[in-house]
Amino acid sequence: QVQLVESGGGLVQPGTSLRLSCAASESIFSIYVMGWYRQAPGKQRELVARISSGGSTNYADSVKGRFTISRDNAKNTVYLQMNSLKPEDTAVYYCNMWGRGKDMWGQGTQVTVSS
């Protein structure tokens, strides 16, 4: 059973940065599409950013220019660098692994942006 373990969330002030990490217990990590999603209270889960096995990325319009997704296949880890955080970025952030019949989710990590 593949496990995805997120880390790096926390309480930060507006305008600051955080980096989320998601480590996968999957030996062939590199073949999967990896994504970060978020869910704010009372809202549906939404895609934040996604990176393909080849490194192509796409972002939600709300985070373009502020967030960067990357992956280190040697470490089976995907990252989300979040800069210029806003209160509306407050949510639980989930890591997702998709492909080859798999659609796996991590347990989520809370990000709270507040002054």
C-alpha atoms as a PDB file:
ATOM      1  CA  GLN A   1       0.000   0.000   0.000  1.00  0.00           C
ATOM      2  CA  VAL A   2       1.467   3.336  -1.078  1.00  0.00           C
ATOM      3  CA  GLN A   3       1.689   5.991   1.600  1.00  0.00           C
ATOM      4  CA  LEU A   4       1.934   9.717   1.062  1.00  0.00           C
ATOM      5  CA  VAL A   5       3.131  11.763   4.021  1.00  0.00           C
ATOM      6  CA  GLU A   6       2.810  15.544   3.896  1.00  0.00           C
ATOM      7  CA  SER A   7       4.729  17.947   6.092  1.00  0.00           C
ATOM      8  CA  GLY A   8       5.541  21.631   6.303  1.00  0.00           C
ATOM      9  CA  GLY A   9       2.198  23.195   7.128  1.00  0.00           C
ATOM     10  CA  GLY A  10       1.698  25.719   9.870  1.00  0.00           C
ATOM     11  CA  LEU A  11       0.472  29.140  10.941  1.00  0.00           C
ATOM     12  CA  VAL A  12       2.090  32.035   9.092  1.00  0.00           C
ATOM     13  CA  GLN A  13       1.476  35.725   8.522  1.00  0.00           C
ATOM     14  CA  PRO A  14       0.285  37.131   5.191  1.00  0.00           C
ATOM     15  CA  GLY A  15       3.094  37.807   2.752  1.00  0.00           C
ATOM     16  CA  THR A  16       5.371  35.098   4.087  1.00  0.00           C
ATOM     17  CA  SER A  17       6.355  31.707   2.642  1.00  0.00           C
ATOM     18  CA  LEU A  18       6.024  28.024   3.388  1.00  0.00           C
ATOM     19  CA  ARG A  19       7.277  24.898   1.671  1.00  0.00           C
ATOM     20  CA  LEU A  20       5.202  21.749   1.789  1.00  0.00           C
ATOM     21  CA  SER A  21       6.727  18.335   1.220  1.00  0.00           C
ATOM     22  CA  CYS A  22       5.112  15.026   0.332  1.00  0.00           C
ATOM     23  CA  ALA A  23       7.138  11.849   0.614  1.00  0.00           C
ATOM     24  CA  ALA A  24       5.879   8.736  -1.161  1.00  0.00           C
ATOM     25  CA  SER A  25       6.603   5.147  -0.219  1.00  0.00           C
ATOM     26  CA  GLU A  26       6.557   4.138  -3.876  1.00  0.00           C
ATOM     27  CA  SER A  27       9.676   2.825  -5.530  1.00  0.00           C
ATOM     28  CA  ILE A  28       8.611   3.899  -9.047  1.00  0.00           C
ATOM     29  CA  PHE A  29       7.504   7.368  -7.957  1.00  0.00           C
ATOM     30  CA  SER A  30       8.806   8.975 -11.124  1.00  0.00           C
ATOM     31  CA  ILE A  31       6.079   7.582 -13.377  1.00  0.00           C
ATOM     32  CA  TYR A  32       3.190   9.220 -11.530  1.00  0.00           C
ATOM     33  CA  VAL A  33       1.521  12.584 -11.855  1.00  0.00           C
ATOM     34  CA  MET A  34       1.835  14.331  -8.506  1.00  0.00           C
ATOM     35  CA  GLY A  35      -0.504  17.042  -7.377  1.00  0.00           C
ATOM     36  CA  TRP A  36      -1.306  19.354  -4.500  1.00  0.00           C
ATOM     37  CA  TYR A  37      -4.936  20.049  -3.695  1.00  0.00           C
ATOM     38  CA  ARG A  38      -6.516  22.081  -0.934  1.00  0.00           C
ATOM     39  CA  GLN A  39      -9.794  22.236   0.873  1.00  0.00           C
ATOM     40  CA  ALA A  40     -10.945  25.226   2.868  1.00  0.00           C
ATOM     41  CA  PRO A  41     -13.772  24.954   5.418  1.00  0.00           C
ATOM     42  CA  GLY A  42     -17.130  24.745   3.681  1.00  0.00           C
ATOM     43  CA  LYS A  43     -15.573  24.496   0.234  1.00  0.00           C
ATOM     44  CA  GLN A  44     -14.832  21.709  -2.210  1.00  0.00           C
ATOM     45  CA  ARG A  45     -11.352  20.330  -2.647  1.00  0.00           C
ATOM     46  CA  GLU A  46      -9.571  22.106  -5.485  1.00  0.00           C
ATOM     47  CA  LEU A  47      -6.456  21.571  -7.522  1.00  0.00           C
ATOM     48  CA  VAL A  48      -3.595  23.857  -6.569  1.00  0.00           C
ATOM     49  CA  ALA A  49      -0.775  22.538  -8.748  1.00  0.00           C
ATOM     50  CA  ARG A  50       0.202  19.412 -10.627  1.00  0.00           C
ATOM     51  CA  ILE A  51       3.433  18.071 -12.090  1.00  0.00           C
ATOM     52  CA  SER A  52       3.704  15.295 -14.646  1.00  0.00           C
ATOM     53  CA  SER A  53       6.277  12.549 -14.771  1.00  0.00           C
ATOM     54  CA  GLY A  54       8.101  14.623 -17.365  1.00  0.00           C
ATOM     55  CA  GLY A  55       8.086  17.744 -15.257  1.00  0.00           C
ATOM     56  CA  SER A  56       5.270  19.680 -16.955  1.00  0.00           C
ATOM     57  CA  THR A  57       3.334  21.788 -14.497  1.00  0.00           C
ATOM     58  CA  ASN A  58      -0.016  23.500 -14.256  1.00  0.00           C
ATOM     59  CA  TYR A  59      -1.447  25.758 -11.586  1.00  0.00           C
ATOM     60  CA  ALA A  60      -4.720  27.138 -10.391  1.00  0.00           C
ATOM     61  CA  ASP A  61      -5.119  30.741 -11.521  1.00  0.00           C
ATOM     62  CA  SER A  62      -5.290  31.863  -7.894  1.00  0.00           C
ATOM     63  CA  VAL A  63      -1.738  30.704  -7.170  1.00  0.00           C
ATOM     64  CA  LYS A  64       0.056  31.357 -10.465  1.00  0.00           C
ATOM     65  CA  GLY A  65       3.199  33.384  -9.916  1.00  0.00           C
ATOM     66  CA  ARG A  66       3.193  32.688  -6.166  1.00  0.00           C
ATOM     67  CA  PHE A  67       3.395  28.890  -5.837  1.00  0.00           C
ATOM     68  CA  THR A  68       5.855  26.484  -7.432  1.00  0.00           C
ATOM     69  CA  ILE A  69       5.533  22.718  -7.578  1.00  0.00           C
ATOM     70  CA  SER A  70       8.609  20.557  -8.034  1.00  0.00           C
ATOM     71  CA  ARG A  71       9.629  16.955  -7.610  1.00  0.00           C
ATOM     72  CA  ASP A  72      12.771  15.079  -6.642  1.00  0.00           C
ATOM     73  CA  ASN A  73      12.404  11.582  -8.042  1.00  0.00           C
ATOM     74  CA  ALA A  74      15.550  10.387  -6.278  1.00  0.00           C
ATOM     75  CA  LYS A  75      13.876  11.212  -2.956  1.00  0.00           C
ATOM     76  CA  ASN A  76      10.335  10.173  -3.971  1.00  0.00           C
ATOM     77  CA  THR A  77       9.222  13.625  -2.872  1.00  0.00           C
ATOM     78  CA  VAL A  78       7.115  16.418  -4.316  1.00  0.00           C
ATOM     79  CA  TYR A  79       7.264  19.975  -2.996  1.00  0.00           C
ATOM     80  CA  LEU A  80       5.047  23.015  -3.035  1.00  0.00           C
ATOM     81  CA  GLN A  81       6.834  26.301  -2.483  1.00  0.00           C
ATOM     82  CA  MET A  82       4.265  28.884  -1.454  1.00  0.00           C
ATOM     83  CA  ASN A  83       5.270  32.550  -1.493  1.00  0.00           C
ATOM     84  CA  SER A  84       3.342  35.725  -0.809  1.00  0.00           C
ATOM     85  CA  LEU A  85       0.752  33.788   1.146  1.00  0.00           C
ATOM     86  CA  LYS A  86      -2.703  35.282   1.552  1.00  0.00           C
ATOM     87  CA  PRO A  87      -5.449  34.592   4.103  1.00  0.00           C
ATOM     88  CA  GLU A  88      -7.465  32.962   1.315  1.00  0.00           C
ATOM     89  CA  ASP A  89      -4.740  30.316   0.974  1.00  0.00           C
ATOM     90  CA  THR A  90      -5.824  28.961   4.363  1.00  0.00           C
ATOM     91  CA  ALA A  91      -6.841  25.326   3.895  1.00  0.00           C
ATOM     92  CA  VAL A  92      -5.851  21.734   4.430  1.00  0.00           C
ATOM     93  CA  TYR A  93      -3.392  20.833   1.690  1.00  0.00           C
ATOM     94  CA  TYR A  94      -3.392  17.300   0.303  1.00  0.00           C
ATOM     95  CA  CYS A  95      -0.837  15.483  -1.783  1.00  0.00           C
ATOM     96  CA  ASN A  96      -2.088  13.266  -4.601  1.00  0.00           C
ATOM     97  CA  MET A  97      -0.449  10.541  -6.663  1.00  0.00           C
ATOM     98  CA  TRP A  98      -2.220   9.573  -9.879  1.00  0.00           C
ATOM     99  CA  GLY A  99      -1.566   7.122 -12.683  1.00  0.00           C
ATOM    100  CA  ARG A 100      -1.325   3.425 -13.633  1.00  0.00           C
ATOM    101  CA  GLY A 101      -4.623   2.764 -11.884  1.00  0.00           C
ATOM    102  CA  LYS A 102      -3.595   4.558  -8.696  1.00  0.00           C
ATOM    103  CA  ASP A 103      -5.284   7.583  -7.171  1.00  0.00           C
ATOM    104  CA  MET A 104      -3.739   8.010  -3.746  1.00  0.00           C
ATOM    105  CA  TRP A 105      -4.105  10.784  -1.143  1.00  0.00           C
ATOM    106  CA  GLY A 106      -2.103  11.861   1.827  1.00  0.00           C
ATOM    107  CA  GLN A 107      -3.614  12.732   5.199  1.00  0.00           C
ATOM    108  CA  GLY A 108      -3.327  16.483   4.632  1.00  0.00           C
ATOM    109  CA  THR A 109      -1.449  19.280   6.321  1.00  0.00           C
ATOM    110  CA  GLN A 110      -3.034  22.462   7.656  1.00  0.00           C
ATOM    111  CA  VAL A 111      -1.900  25.828   6.330  1.00  0.00           C
ATOM    112  CA  THR A 112      -3.263  28.876   8.125  1.00  0.00           C
ATOM    113  CA  VAL A 113      -2.439  32.372   6.931  1.00  0.00           C
ATOM    114  CA  SER A 114      -3.426  34.967   9.469  1.00  0.00           C
ATOM    115  CA  SER A 115      -2.124  38.108  11.099  1.00  0.00           C
END
